[in-house]
Amino acid sequence: MTLRKSNPAFLNGVPEMLVLKLLTERAMHGYDLVQAIKSESRDELAFGEGCIYPILHRLEAEGLLKSSKEEVGGRVRVVYRATARGRARLAETVSNWRQVVSSINRVLEGEGHGRPAMA
C-alpha cells in the first residue's frame, strides 16, 4: 500500500489562486480543474473535488466566477469561467503571492537584515 502525500498546511489560499488562474485561461468544470491542477503541477499538488467545489461555489457567490450548464462529453455539466472581478482578484493574489515568496526566499537565503548569504 502506498501512502498518498498530502499538501502542506501552508498552502492555504493556493487552491483559490490556481482555480482563478486556470479559469481565466479556459472554462472548465470541477473535475477538469482537479485534473488540470494535478497535471500542470506535475503531480506535486493534488486538491480533490471536496476541496475544489466549495471554492467554486464561494467564488461564484462573490461574483468572481460565472457558471453555465453545458454538454461536455455527452453529459450536462456546470462549467465555470472567471469574470472581470475574478481576473482582478487573481492579479492581486498573484502579486501578493510573489511578494511573500520573495520575502521567504530572502530569509531562507540569509539575505535579510544585512547578514551575509549562507554558503
PDB file of N, CA and C in Angstrom:
ATOM      1  N   MET A   1       0.846  -1.181   0.000  1.00  0.00           N
ATOM      2  CA  MET A   1       0.000   0.000   0.000  1.00  0.00           C
ATOM      3  C   MET A   1       0.887   1.238   0.000  1.00  0.00           C
ATOM      4  N   THR A   2       0.651   2.150  -0.935  1.00  0.00           N
ATOM      5  CA  THR A   2       1.423   3.383  -0.956  1.00  0.00           C
ATOM      6  C   THR A   2       0.652   4.483  -0.238  1.00  0.00           C
ATOM      7  N   LEU A   3       1.388   5.280   0.506  1.00  0.00           N
ATOM      8  CA  LEU A   3       0.767   6.389   1.210  1.00  0.00           C
ATOM      9  C   LEU A   3       0.710   7.594   0.291  1.00  0.00           C
ATOM     10  N   ARG A   4      -0.425   8.237   0.267  1.00  0.00           N
ATOM     11  CA  ARG A   4      -0.583   9.447  -0.540  1.00  0.00           C
ATOM     12  C   ARG A   4      -0.094  10.613   0.291  1.00  0.00           C
ATOM     13  N   LYS A   5       0.847  11.367  -0.253  1.00  0.00           N
ATOM     14  CA  LYS A   5       1.310  12.528   0.492  1.00  0.00           C
ATOM     15  C   LYS A   5       0.245  13.608   0.407  1.00  0.00           C
ATOM     16  N   SER A   6       0.099  14.362   1.467  1.00  0.00           N
ATOM     17  CA  SER A   6      -0.882  15.430   1.460  1.00  0.00           C
ATOM     18  C   SER A   6      -0.178  16.759   1.213  1.00  0.00           C
ATOM     19  N   ASN A   7      -0.959  17.749   0.822  1.00  0.00           N
ATOM     20  CA  ASN A   7      -0.400  19.065   0.590  1.00  0.00           C
ATOM     21  C   ASN A   7      -0.048  19.710   1.927  1.00  0.00           C
ATOM     22  N   PRO A   8       1.048  20.445   1.992  1.00  0.00           N
ATOM     23  CA  PRO A   8       1.425  21.106   3.241  1.00  0.00           C
ATOM     24  C   PRO A   8       0.373  22.120   3.679  1.00  0.00           C
ATOM     25  N   ALA A   9       0.241  22.324   4.986  1.00  0.00           N
ATOM     26  CA  ALA A   9      -0.758  23.237   5.533  1.00  0.00           C
ATOM     27  C   ALA A   9      -0.544  24.668   5.063  1.00  0.00           C
ATOM     28  N   PHE A  10       0.687  25.050   4.745  1.00  0.00           N
ATOM     29  CA  PHE A  10       0.938  26.430   4.350  1.00  0.00           C
ATOM     30  C   PHE A  10       0.386  26.768   2.965  1.00  0.00           C
ATOM     31  N   LEU A  11      -0.241  25.828   2.315  1.00  0.00           N
ATOM     32  CA  LEU A  11      -0.818  26.086   1.004  1.00  0.00           C
ATOM     33  C   LEU A  11      -2.223  26.694   1.079  1.00  0.00           C
ATOM     34  N   ASN A  12      -2.673  27.100   2.267  1.00  0.00           N
ATOM     35  CA  ASN A  12      -3.988  27.738   2.384  1.00  0.00           C
ATOM     36  C   ASN A  12      -4.065  28.910   1.422  1.00  0.00           C
ATOM     37  N   GLY A  13      -5.146  29.010   0.675  1.00  0.00           N
ATOM     38  CA  GLY A  13      -5.321  30.083  -0.296  1.00  0.00           C
ATOM     39  C   GLY A  13      -4.809  29.744  -1.685  1.00  0.00           C
ATOM     40  N   VAL A  14      -3.936  28.759  -1.765  1.00  0.00           N
ATOM     41  CA  VAL A  14      -3.368  28.400  -3.066  1.00  0.00           C
ATOM     42  C   VAL A  14      -4.419  27.779  -3.991  1.00  0.00           C
ATOM     43  N   PRO A  15      -5.285  26.891  -3.518  1.00  0.00           N
ATOM     44  CA  PRO A  15      -6.277  26.333  -4.440  1.00  0.00           C
ATOM     45  C   PRO A  15      -7.129  27.422  -5.107  1.00  0.00           C
ATOM     46  N   GLU A  16      -7.539  28.437  -4.340  1.00  0.00           N
ATOM     47  CA  GLU A  16      -8.328  29.524  -4.917  1.00  0.00           C
ATOM     48  C   GLU A  16      -7.551  30.231  -6.021  1.00  0.00           C
ATOM     49  N   MET A  17      -6.290  30.527  -5.770  1.00  0.00           N
ATOM     50  CA  MET A  17      -5.467  31.208  -6.753  1.00  0.00           C
ATOM     51  C   MET A  17      -5.336  30.358  -8.025  1.00  0.00           C
ATOM     52  N   LEU A  18      -5.114  29.066  -7.865  1.00  0.00           N
ATOM     53  CA  LEU A  18      -4.963  28.180  -9.018  1.00  0.00           C
ATOM     54  C   LEU A  18      -6.269  28.041  -9.794  1.00  0.00           C
ATOM     55  N   VAL A  19      -7.383  27.967  -9.085  1.00  0.00           N
ATOM     56  CA  VAL A  19      -8.695  27.885  -9.735  1.00  0.00           C
ATOM     57  C   VAL A  19      -8.925  29.136 -10.573  1.00  0.00           C
ATOM     58  N   LEU A  20      -8.683  30.304  -9.988  1.00  0.00           N
ATOM     59  CA  LEU A  20      -8.865  31.541 -10.742  1.00  0.00           C
ATOM     60  C   LEU A  20      -7.938  31.592 -11.951  1.00  0.00           C
ATOM     61  N   LYS A  21      -6.693  31.199 -11.769  1.00  0.00           N
ATOM     62  CA  LYS A  21      -5.729  31.209 -12.875  1.00  0.00           C
ATOM     63  C   LYS A  21      -6.210  30.327 -14.026  1.00  0.00           C
ATOM     64  N   LEU A  22      -6.572  29.110 -13.710  1.00  0.00           N
ATOM     65  CA  LEU A  22      -6.981  28.174 -14.752  1.00  0.00           C
ATOM     66  C   LEU A  22      -8.271  28.616 -15.435  1.00  0.00           C
ATOM     67  N   LEU A  23      -9.191  29.206 -14.662  1.00  0.00           N
ATOM     68  CA  LEU A  23     -10.466  29.619 -15.243  1.00  0.00           C
ATOM     69  C   LEU A  23     -10.370  30.941 -16.000  1.00  0.00           C
ATOM     70  N   THR A  24      -9.252  31.647 -15.891  1.00  0.00           N
ATOM     71  CA  THR A  24      -9.045  32.801 -16.767  1.00  0.00           C
ATOM     72  C   THR A  24      -8.537  32.332 -18.126  1.00  0.00           C
ATOM     73  N   GLU A  25      -7.967  31.138 -18.157  1.00  0.00           N
ATOM     74  CA  GLU A  25      -7.431  30.595 -19.414  1.00  0.00           C
ATOM     75  C   GLU A  25      -8.495  29.878 -20.240  1.00  0.00           C
ATOM     76  N   ARG A  26      -9.383  29.154 -19.566  1.00  0.00           N
ATOM     77  CA  ARG A  26     -10.456  28.449 -20.278  1.00  0.00           C
ATOM     78  C   ARG A  26     -11.531  28.021 -19.289  1.00  0.00           C
ATOM     79  N   ALA A  27     -12.724  27.840 -19.793  1.00  0.00           N
ATOM     80  CA  ALA A  27     -13.840  27.373 -18.970  1.00  0.00           C
ATOM     81  C   ALA A  27     -13.656  25.895 -18.655  1.00  0.00           C
ATOM     82  N   MET A  28     -14.001  25.521 -17.426  1.00  0.00           N
ATOM     83  CA  MET A  28     -13.867  24.115 -17.018  1.00  0.00           C
ATOM     84  C   MET A  28     -14.920  23.779 -15.965  1.00  0.00           C
ATOM     85  N   HIS A  29     -15.172  22.496 -15.822  1.00  0.00           N
ATOM     86  CA  HIS A  29     -15.988  22.025 -14.705  1.00  0.00           C
ATOM     87  C   HIS A  29     -15.052  21.537 -13.609  1.00  0.00           C
ATOM     88  N   GLY A  30     -15.618  21.240 -12.451  1.00  0.00           N
ATOM     89  CA  GLY A  30     -14.812  20.925 -11.273  1.00  0.00           C
ATOM     90  C   GLY A  30     -13.803  19.810 -11.454  1.00  0.00           C
ATOM     91  N   TYR A  31     -14.233  18.707 -12.024  1.00  0.00           N
ATOM     92  CA  TYR A  31     -13.317  17.582 -12.195  1.00  0.00           C
ATOM     93  C   TYR A  31     -12.157  17.955 -13.115  1.00  0.00           C
ATOM     94  N   ASP A  32     -12.460  18.724 -14.175  1.00  0.00           N
ATOM     95  CA  ASP A  32     -11.382  19.194 -15.066  1.00  0.00           C
ATOM     96  C   ASP A  32     -10.364  20.024 -14.289  1.00  0.00           C
ATOM     97  N   LEU A  33     -10.839  20.865 -13.379  1.00  0.00           N
ATOM     98  CA  LEU A  33      -9.932  21.685 -12.572  1.00  0.00           C
ATOM     99  C   LEU A  33      -9.021  20.818 -11.713  1.00  0.00           C
ATOM    100  N   VAL A  34      -9.607  19.827 -11.070  1.00  0.00           N
ATOM    101  CA  VAL A  34      -8.821  18.908 -10.241  1.00  0.00           C
ATOM    102  C   VAL A  34      -7.713  18.275 -11.069  1.00  0.00           C
ATOM    103  N   GLN A  35      -8.064  17.798 -12.253  1.00  0.00           N
ATOM    104  CA  GLN A  35      -7.081  17.142 -13.124  1.00  0.00           C
ATOM    105  C   GLN A  35      -6.052  18.134 -13.666  1.00  0.00           C
ATOM    106  N   ALA A  36      -6.491  19.343 -14.004  1.00  0.00           N
ATOM    107  CA  ALA A  36      -5.573  20.347 -14.546  1.00  0.00           C
ATOM    108  C   ALA A  36      -4.537  20.768 -13.502  1.00  0.00           C
ATOM    109  N   ILE A  37      -4.970  20.959 -12.258  1.00  0.00           N
ATOM    110  CA  ILE A  37      -4.030  21.330 -11.194  1.00  0.00           C
ATOM    111  C   ILE A  37      -3.004  20.221 -11.008  1.00  0.00           C
ATOM    112  N   LYS A  38      -3.485  19.005 -10.960  1.00  0.00           N
ATOM    113  CA  LYS A  38      -2.578  17.864 -10.782  1.00  0.00           C
ATOM    114  C   LYS A  38      -1.599  17.770 -11.950  1.00  0.00           C
ATOM    115  N   SER A  39      -2.106  17.873 -13.159  1.00  0.00           N
ATOM    116  CA  SER A  39      -1.266  17.740 -14.348  1.00  0.00           C
ATOM    117  C   SER A  39      -0.268  18.886 -14.472  1.00  0.00           C
ATOM    118  N   GLU A  40      -0.744  20.123 -14.343  1.00  0.00           N
ATOM    119  CA  GLU A  40       0.133  21.271 -14.544  1.00  0.00           C
ATOM    120  C   GLU A  40       1.158  21.451 -13.427  1.00  0.00           C
ATOM    121  N   SER A  41       0.889  20.851 -12.268  1.00  0.00           N
ATOM    122  CA  SER A  41       1.879  20.900 -11.184  1.00  0.00           C
ATOM    123  C   SER A  41       2.783  19.666 -11.211  1.00  0.00           C
ATOM    124  N   ARG A  42       2.657  18.876 -12.268  1.00  0.00           N
ATOM    125  CA  ARG A  42       3.431  17.635 -12.408  1.00  0.00           C
ATOM    126  C   ARG A  42       3.237  16.718 -11.209  1.00  0.00           C
ATOM    127  N   ASP A  43       1.992  16.587 -10.798  1.00  0.00           N
ATOM    128  CA  ASP A  43       1.564  15.719  -9.692  1.00  0.00           C
ATOM    129  C   ASP A  43       2.094  16.154  -8.328  1.00  0.00           C
ATOM    130  N   GLU A  44       2.581  17.376  -8.206  1.00  0.00           N
ATOM    131  CA  GLU A  44       3.057  17.876  -6.917  1.00  0.00           C
ATOM    132  C   GLU A  44       1.900  18.388  -6.062  1.00  0.00           C
ATOM    133  N   LEU A  45       0.846  18.867  -6.704  1.00  0.00           N
ATOM    134  CA  LEU A  45      -0.318  19.381  -5.990  1.00  0.00           C
ATOM    135  C   LEU A  45      -1.528  18.545  -6.364  1.00  0.00           C
ATOM    136  N   ALA A  46      -2.285  18.170  -5.370  1.00  0.00           N
ATOM    137  CA  ALA A  46      -3.497  17.399  -5.622  1.00  0.00           C
ATOM    138  C   ALA A  46      -4.582  17.900  -4.674  1.00  0.00           C
ATOM    139  N   PHE A  47      -5.564  18.567  -5.240  1.00  0.00           N
ATOM    140  CA  PHE A  47      -6.712  19.037  -4.469  1.00  0.00           C
ATOM    141  C   PHE A  47      -7.920  18.280  -4.985  1.00  0.00           C
ATOM    142  N   GLY A  48      -8.592  17.565  -4.114  1.00  0.00           N
ATOM    143  CA  GLY A  48      -9.736  16.768  -4.521  1.00  0.00           C
ATOM    144  C   GLY A  48     -10.959  17.610  -4.787  1.00  0.00           C
ATOM    145  N   GLU A  49     -11.968  16.972  -5.339  1.00  0.00           N
ATOM    146  CA  GLU A  49     -13.214  17.662  -5.639  1.00  0.00           C
ATOM    147  C   GLU A  49     -13.857  18.227  -4.378  1.00  0.00           C
ATOM    148  N   GLY A  50     -13.653  17.566  -3.243  1.00  0.00           N
ATOM    149  CA  GLY A  50     -14.191  18.055  -1.975  1.00  0.00           C
ATOM    150  C   GLY A  50     -13.585  19.378  -1.544  1.00  0.00           C
ATOM    151  N   CYS A  51     -12.429  19.697  -2.065  1.00  0.00           N
ATOM    152  CA  CYS A  51     -11.777  20.992  -1.832  1.00  0.00           C
ATOM    153  C   CYS A  51     -12.199  21.997  -2.899  1.00  0.00           C
ATOM    154  N   ILE A  52     -12.238  21.569  -4.145  1.00  0.00           N
ATOM    155  CA  ILE A  52     -12.447  22.474  -5.274  1.00  0.00           C
ATOM    156  C   ILE A  52     -13.891  22.966  -5.379  1.00  0.00           C
ATOM    157  N   TYR A  53     -14.872  22.084  -5.218  1.00  0.00           N
ATOM    158  CA  TYR A  53     -16.266  22.524  -5.394  1.00  0.00           C
ATOM    159  C   TYR A  53     -16.695  23.597  -4.397  1.00  0.00           C
ATOM    160  N   PRO A  54     -16.355  23.505  -3.128  1.00  0.00           N
ATOM    161  CA  PRO A  54     -16.713  24.611  -2.228  1.00  0.00           C
ATOM    162  C   PRO A  54     -16.057  25.940  -2.636  1.00  0.00           C
ATOM    163  N   ILE A  55     -14.847  25.878  -3.154  1.00  0.00           N
ATOM    164  CA  ILE A  55     -14.174  27.088  -3.637  1.00  0.00           C
ATOM    165  C   ILE A  55     -14.934  27.650  -4.836  1.00  0.00           C
ATOM    166  N   LEU A  56     -15.312  26.792  -5.769  1.00  0.00           N
ATOM    167  CA  LEU A  56     -16.070  27.242  -6.935  1.00  0.00           C
ATOM    168  C   LEU A  56     -17.365  27.926  -6.517  1.00  0.00           C
ATOM    169  N   HIS A  57     -18.096  27.320  -5.591  1.00  0.00           N
ATOM    170  CA  HIS A  57     -19.372  27.887  -5.154  1.00  0.00           C
ATOM    171  C   HIS A  57     -19.170  29.224  -4.454  1.00  0.00           C
ATOM    172  N   ARG A  58     -18.139  29.333  -3.629  1.00  0.00           N
ATOM    173  CA  ARG A  58     -17.867  30.586  -2.917  1.00  0.00           C
ATOM    174  C   ARG A  58     -17.448  31.678  -3.892  1.00  0.00           C
ATOM    175  N   LEU A  59     -16.553  31.348  -4.820  1.00  0.00           N
ATOM    176  CA  LEU A  59     -16.098  32.347  -5.786  1.00  0.00           C
ATOM    177  C   LEU A  59     -17.242  32.809  -6.692  1.00  0.00           C
ATOM    178  N   GLU A  60     -18.137  31.896  -7.020  1.00  0.00           N
ATOM    179  CA  GLU A  60     -19.295  32.288  -7.823  1.00  0.00           C
ATOM    180  C   GLU A  60     -20.212  33.211  -7.010  1.00  0.00           C
ATOM    181  N   ALA A  61     -20.434  32.891  -5.737  1.00  0.00           N
ATOM    182  CA  ALA A  61     -21.275  33.735  -4.876  1.00  0.00           C
ATOM    183  C   ALA A  61     -20.671  35.135  -4.723  1.00  0.00           C
ATOM    184  N   GLU A  62     -19.339  35.233  -4.773  1.00  0.00           N
ATOM    185  CA  GLU A  62     -18.650  36.519  -4.657  1.00  0.00           C
ATOM    186  C   GLU A  62     -18.592  37.260  -5.996  1.00  0.00           C
ATOM    187  N   GLY A  63     -19.095  36.659  -7.055  1.00  0.00           N
ATOM    188  CA  GLY A  63     -19.090  37.297  -8.363  1.00  0.00           C
ATOM    189  C   GLY A  63     -17.760  37.201  -9.092  1.00  0.00           C
ATOM    190  N   LEU A  64     -16.880  36.312  -8.635  1.00  0.00           N
ATOM    191  CA  LEU A  64     -15.573  36.154  -9.258  1.00  0.00           C
ATOM    192  C   LEU A  64     -15.598  35.113 -10.371  1.00  0.00           C
ATOM    193  N   LEU A  65     -16.629  34.269 -10.353  1.00  0.00           N
ATOM    194  CA  LEU A  65     -16.844  33.261 -11.393  1.00  0.00           C
ATOM    195  C   LEU A  65     -18.291  33.325 -11.840  1.00  0.00           C
ATOM    196  N   LYS A  66     -18.539  32.856 -13.057  1.00  0.00           N
ATOM    197  CA  LYS A  66     -19.906  32.640 -13.510  1.00  0.00           C
ATOM    198  C   LYS A  66     -19.982  31.214 -14.027  1.00  0.00           C
ATOM    199  N   SER A  67     -21.146  30.638 -13.938  1.00  0.00           N
ATOM    200  CA  SER A  67     -21.303  29.252 -14.386  1.00  0.00           C
ATOM    201  C   SER A  67     -22.430  29.153 -15.402  1.00  0.00           C
ATOM    202  N   SER A  68     -22.359  28.088 -16.171  1.00  0.00           N
ATOM    203  CA  SER A  68     -23.426  27.767 -17.110  1.00  0.00           C
ATOM    204  C   SER A  68     -23.453  26.255 -17.260  1.00  0.00           C
ATOM    205  N   LYS A  69     -24.613  25.759 -17.645  1.00  0.00           N
ATOM    206  CA  LYS A  69     -24.725  24.322 -17.907  1.00  0.00           C
ATOM    207  C   LYS A  69     -24.429  24.085 -19.374  1.00  0.00           C
ATOM    208  N   GLU A  70     -23.504  23.166 -19.616  1.00  0.00           N
ATOM    209  CA  GLU A  70     -23.101  22.857 -20.981  1.00  0.00           C
ATOM    210  C   GLU A  70     -22.942  21.353 -21.126  1.00  0.00           C
ATOM    211  N   GLU A  71     -23.114  20.892 -22.346  1.00  0.00           N
ATOM    212  CA  GLU A  71     -22.884  19.476 -22.606  1.00  0.00           C
ATOM    213  C   GLU A  71     -21.389  19.259 -22.817  1.00  0.00           C
ATOM    214  N   VAL A  72     -20.831  18.365 -22.015  1.00  0.00           N
ATOM    215  CA  VAL A  72     -19.411  18.034 -22.093  1.00  0.00           C
ATOM    216  C   VAL A  72     -19.304  16.516 -22.134  1.00  0.00           C
ATOM    217  N   GLY A  73     -18.770  15.985 -23.213  1.00  0.00           N
ATOM    218  CA  GLY A  73     -18.617  14.541 -23.333  1.00  0.00           C
ATOM    219  C   GLY A  73     -19.939  13.794 -23.226  1.00  0.00           C
ATOM    220  N   GLY A  74     -21.008  14.390 -23.763  1.00  0.00           N
ATOM    221  CA  GLY A  74     -22.304  13.722 -23.740  1.00  0.00           C
ATOM    222  C   GLY A  74     -23.062  13.894 -22.433  1.00  0.00           C
ATOM    223  N   ARG A  75     -22.501  14.626 -21.485  1.00  0.00           N
ATOM    224  CA  ARG A  75     -23.161  14.859 -20.193  1.00  0.00           C
ATOM    225  C   ARG A  75     -23.307  16.353 -19.961  1.00  0.00           C
ATOM    226  N   VAL A  76     -24.373  16.733 -19.287  1.00  0.00           N
ATOM    227  CA  VAL A  76     -24.551  18.135 -18.930  1.00  0.00           C
ATOM    228  C   VAL A  76     -23.749  18.396 -17.659  1.00  0.00           C
ATOM    229  N   ARG A  77     -22.886  19.403 -17.723  1.00  0.00           N
ATOM    230  CA  ARG A  77     -22.026  19.757 -16.592  1.00  0.00           C
ATOM    231  C   ARG A  77     -22.118  21.253 -16.331  1.00  0.00           C
ATOM    232  N   VAL A  78     -21.832  21.616 -15.088  1.00  0.00           N
ATOM    233  CA  VAL A  78     -21.731  23.024 -14.745  1.00  0.00           C
ATOM    234  C   VAL A  78     -20.303  23.445 -15.046  1.00  0.00           C
ATOM    235  N   VAL A  79     -20.164  24.409 -15.942  1.00  0.00           N
ATOM    236  CA  VAL A  79     -18.861  24.878 -16.396  1.00  0.00           C
ATOM    237  C   VAL A  79     -18.659  26.295 -15.850  1.00  0.00           C
ATOM    238  N   TYR A  80     -17.459  26.555 -15.348  1.00  0.00           N
ATOM    239  CA  TYR A  80     -17.152  27.833 -14.707  1.00  0.00           C
ATOM    240  C   TYR A  80     -16.176  28.639 -15.544  1.00  0.00           C
ATOM    241  N   ARG A  81     -16.328  29.963 -15.473  1.00  0.00           N
ATOM    242  CA  ARG A  81     -15.437  30.920 -16.140  1.00  0.00           C
ATOM    243  C   ARG A  81     -15.146  32.042 -15.151  1.00  0.00           C
ATOM    244  N   ALA A  82     -13.962  32.620 -15.250  1.00  0.00           N
ATOM    245  CA  ALA A  82     -13.625  33.779 -14.427  1.00  0.00           C
ATOM    246  C   ALA A  82     -14.317  35.019 -14.991  1.00  0.00           C
ATOM    247  N   THR A  83     -14.799  35.876 -14.107  1.00  0.00           N
ATOM    248  CA  THR A  83     -15.365  37.163 -14.506  1.00  0.00           C
ATOM    249  C   THR A  83     -14.254  38.209 -14.479  1.00  0.00           C
ATOM    250  N   ALA A  84     -14.583  39.422 -14.877  1.00  0.00           N
ATOM    251  CA  ALA A  84     -13.603  40.515 -14.806  1.00  0.00           C
ATOM    252  C   ALA A  84     -13.157  40.713 -13.359  1.00  0.00           C
ATOM    253  N   ARG A  85     -14.076  40.620 -12.423  1.00  0.00           N
ATOM    254  CA  ARG A  85     -13.713  40.732 -10.999  1.00  0.00           C
ATOM    255  C   ARG A  85     -12.801  39.587 -10.576  1.00  0.00           C
ATOM    256  N   GLY A  86     -13.049  38.392 -11.124  1.00  0.00           N
ATOM    257  CA  GLY A  86     -12.187  37.247 -10.828  1.00  0.00           C
ATOM    258  C   GLY A  86     -10.780  37.449 -11.349  1.00  0.00           C
ATOM    259  N   ARG A  87     -10.666  38.008 -12.536  1.00  0.00           N
ATOM    260  CA  ARG A  87      -9.340  38.283 -13.108  1.00  0.00           C
ATOM    261  C   ARG A  87      -8.607  39.347 -12.284  1.00  0.00           C
ATOM    262  N   ALA A  88      -9.353  40.340 -11.810  1.00  0.00           N
ATOM    263  CA  ALA A  88      -8.738  41.368 -10.960  1.00  0.00           C
ATOM    264  C   ALA A  88      -8.266  40.770  -9.638  1.00  0.00           C
ATOM    265  N   ARG A  89      -9.086  39.888  -9.037  1.00  0.00           N
ATOM    266  CA  ARG A  89      -8.692  39.224  -7.788  1.00  0.00           C
ATOM    267  C   ARG A  89      -7.457  38.374  -8.022  1.00  0.00           C
ATOM    268  N   LEU A  90      -7.399  37.676  -9.155  1.00  0.00           N
ATOM    269  CA  LEU A  90      -6.243  36.853  -9.472  1.00  0.00           C
ATOM    270  C   LEU A  90      -4.989  37.711  -9.541  1.00  0.00           C
ATOM    271  N   ALA A  91      -5.052  38.835 -10.231  1.00  0.00           N
ATOM    272  CA  ALA A  91      -3.880  39.711 -10.355  1.00  0.00           C
ATOM    273  C   ALA A  91      -3.401  40.165  -8.982  1.00  0.00           C
ATOM    274  N   GLU A  92      -4.322  40.530  -8.116  1.00  0.00           N
ATOM    275  CA  GLU A  92      -3.965  40.959  -6.756  1.00  0.00           C
ATOM    276  C   GLU A  92      -3.361  39.811  -5.960  1.00  0.00           C
ATOM    277  N   THR A  93      -3.964  38.647  -6.045  1.00  0.00           N
ATOM    278  CA  THR A  93      -3.493  37.479  -5.306  1.00  0.00           C
ATOM    279  C   THR A  93      -2.112  37.053  -5.774  1.00  0.00           C
ATOM    280  N   VAL A  94      -1.889  37.036  -7.086  1.00  0.00           N
ATOM    281  CA  VAL A  94      -0.583  36.649  -7.627  1.00  0.00           C
ATOM    282  C   VAL A  94       0.484  37.646  -7.191  1.00  0.00           C
ATOM    283  N   SER A  95       0.165  38.915  -7.203  1.00  0.00           N
ATOM    284  CA  SER A  95       1.117  39.935  -6.755  1.00  0.00           C
ATOM    285  C   SER A  95       1.494  39.709  -5.291  1.00  0.00           C
ATOM    286  N   ASN A  96       0.486  39.480  -4.450  1.00  0.00           N
ATOM    287  CA  ASN A  96       0.746  39.213  -3.029  1.00  0.00           C
ATOM    288  C   ASN A  96       1.562  37.944  -2.845  1.00  0.00           C
ATOM    289  N   TRP A  97       1.221  36.907  -3.604  1.00  0.00           N
ATOM    290  CA  TRP A  97       1.936  35.632  -3.528  1.00  0.00           C
ATOM    291  C   TRP A  97       3.410  35.817  -3.872  1.00  0.00           C
ATOM    292  N   ARG A  98       3.678  36.550  -4.942  1.00  0.00           N
ATOM    293  CA  ARG A  98       5.066  36.766  -5.360  1.00  0.00           C
ATOM    294  C   ARG A  98       5.847  37.552  -4.312  1.00  0.00           C
ATOM    295  N   GLN A  99       5.209  38.509  -3.660  1.00  0.00           N
ATOM    296  CA  GLN A  99       5.880  39.262  -2.593  1.00  0.00           C
ATOM    297  C   GLN A  99       6.221  38.347  -1.419  1.00  0.00           C
ATOM    298  N   VAL A 100       5.286  37.483  -1.047  1.00  0.00           N
ATOM    299  CA  VAL A 100       5.520  36.554   0.063  1.00  0.00           C
ATOM    300  C   VAL A 100       6.649  35.593  -0.290  1.00  0.00           C
ATOM    301  N   VAL A 101       6.613  35.021  -1.479  1.00  0.00           N
ATOM    302  CA  VAL A 101       7.653  34.080  -1.902  1.00  0.00           C
ATOM    303  C   VAL A 101       9.020  34.768  -1.917  1.00  0.00           C
ATOM    304  N   SER A 102       9.073  35.981  -2.420  1.00  0.00           N
ATOM    305  CA  SER A 102      10.323  36.729  -2.454  1.00  0.00           C
ATOM    306  C   SER A 102      10.858  36.966  -1.041  1.00  0.00           C
ATOM    307  N   SER A 103       9.971  37.339  -0.134  1.00  0.00           N
ATOM    308  CA  SER A 103      10.387  37.577   1.254  1.00  0.00           C
ATOM    309  C   SER A 103      10.868  36.296   1.922  1.00  0.00           C
ATOM    310  N   ILE A 104      10.173  35.209   1.698  1.00  0.00           N
ATOM    311  CA  ILE A 104      10.574  33.921   2.268  1.00  0.00           C
ATOM    312  C   ILE A 104      11.932  33.518   1.714  1.00  0.00           C
ATOM    313  N   ASN A 105      12.118  33.681   0.409  1.00  0.00           N
ATOM    314  CA  ASN A 105      13.403  33.329  -0.200  1.00  0.00           C
ATOM    315  C   ASN A 105      14.543  34.160   0.383  1.00  0.00           C
ATOM    316  N   ARG A 106      14.305  35.443   0.639  1.00  0.00           N
ATOM    317  CA  ARG A 106      15.356  36.273   1.247  1.00  0.00           C
ATOM    318  C   ARG A 106      15.750  35.720   2.608  1.00  0.00           C
ATOM    319  N   VAL A 107      14.764  35.327   3.405  1.00  0.00           N
ATOM    320  CA  VAL A 107      15.056  34.770   4.729  1.00  0.00           C
ATOM    321  C   VAL A 107      15.790  33.442   4.595  1.00  0.00           C
ATOM    322  N   LEU A 108      15.297  32.573   3.717  1.00  0.00           N
ATOM    323  CA  LEU A 108      15.927  31.264   3.547  1.00  0.00           C
ATOM    324  C   LEU A 108      17.354  31.370   3.025  1.00  0.00           C
ATOM    325  N   GLU A 109      17.613  32.358   2.210  1.00  0.00           N
ATOM    326  CA  GLU A 109      18.951  32.549   1.650  1.00  0.00           C
ATOM    327  C   GLU A 109      19.835  33.406   2.551  1.00  0.00           C
ATOM    328  N   GLY A 110      19.281  33.868   3.664  1.00  0.00           N
ATOM    329  CA  GLY A 110      20.068  34.653   4.604  1.00  0.00           C
ATOM    330  C   GLY A 110      20.373  36.054   4.112  1.00  0.00           C
ATOM    331  N   GLU A 111      19.500  36.605   3.275  1.00  0.00           N
ATOM    332  CA  GLU A 111      19.754  37.916   2.705  1.00  0.00           C
ATOM    333  C   GLU A 111      19.059  39.040   3.467  1.00  0.00           C
ATOM    334  N   GLY A 112      18.419  38.739   4.570  1.00  0.00           N
ATOM    335  CA  GLY A 112      17.723  39.766   5.336  1.00  0.00           C
ATOM    336  C   GLY A 112      18.621  40.375   6.393  1.00  0.00           C
ATOM    337  N   HIS A 113      18.311  41.549   6.832  1.00  0.00           N
ATOM    338  CA  HIS A 113      18.993  42.252   7.941  1.00  0.00           C
ATOM    339  C   HIS A 113      20.494  42.384   7.740  1.00  0.00           C
ATOM    340  N   GLY A 114      20.937  42.500   6.530  1.00  0.00           N
ATOM    341  CA  GLY A 114      22.342  42.748   6.275  1.00  0.00           C
ATOM    342  C   GLY A 114      23.279  41.581   6.566  1.00  0.00           C
ATOM    343  N   ARG A 115      22.703  40.408   6.852  1.00  0.00           N
ATOM    344  CA  ARG A 115      23.541  39.232   7.087  1.00  0.00           C
ATOM    345  C   ARG A 115      24.059  38.712   5.764  1.00  0.00           C
ATOM    346  N   PRO A 116      25.236  38.141   5.765  1.00  0.00           N
ATOM    347  CA  PRO A 116      25.736  37.571   4.513  1.00  0.00           C
ATOM    348  C   PRO A 116      24.912  36.338   4.131  1.00  0.00           C
ATOM    349  N   ALA A 117      24.848  36.082   2.851  1.00  0.00           N
ATOM    350  CA  ALA A 117      24.134  34.910   2.356  1.00  0.00           C
ATOM    351  C   ALA A 117      24.826  33.641   2.845  1.00  0.00           C
ATOM    352  N   MET A 118      24.009  32.582   3.042  1.00  0.00           N
ATOM    353  CA  MET A 118      24.556  31.299   3.506  1.00  0.00           C
ATOM    354  C   MET A 118      25.392  30.680   2.396  1.00  0.00           C
ATOM    355  N   ALA A 119      26.458  30.033   2.790  1.00  0.00           N
ATOM    356  CA  ALA A 119      27.355  29.396   1.800  1.00  0.00           C
ATOM    357  C   ALA A 119      26.810  28.065   1.370  1.00  0.00           C
TER     358      ALA A 119
END
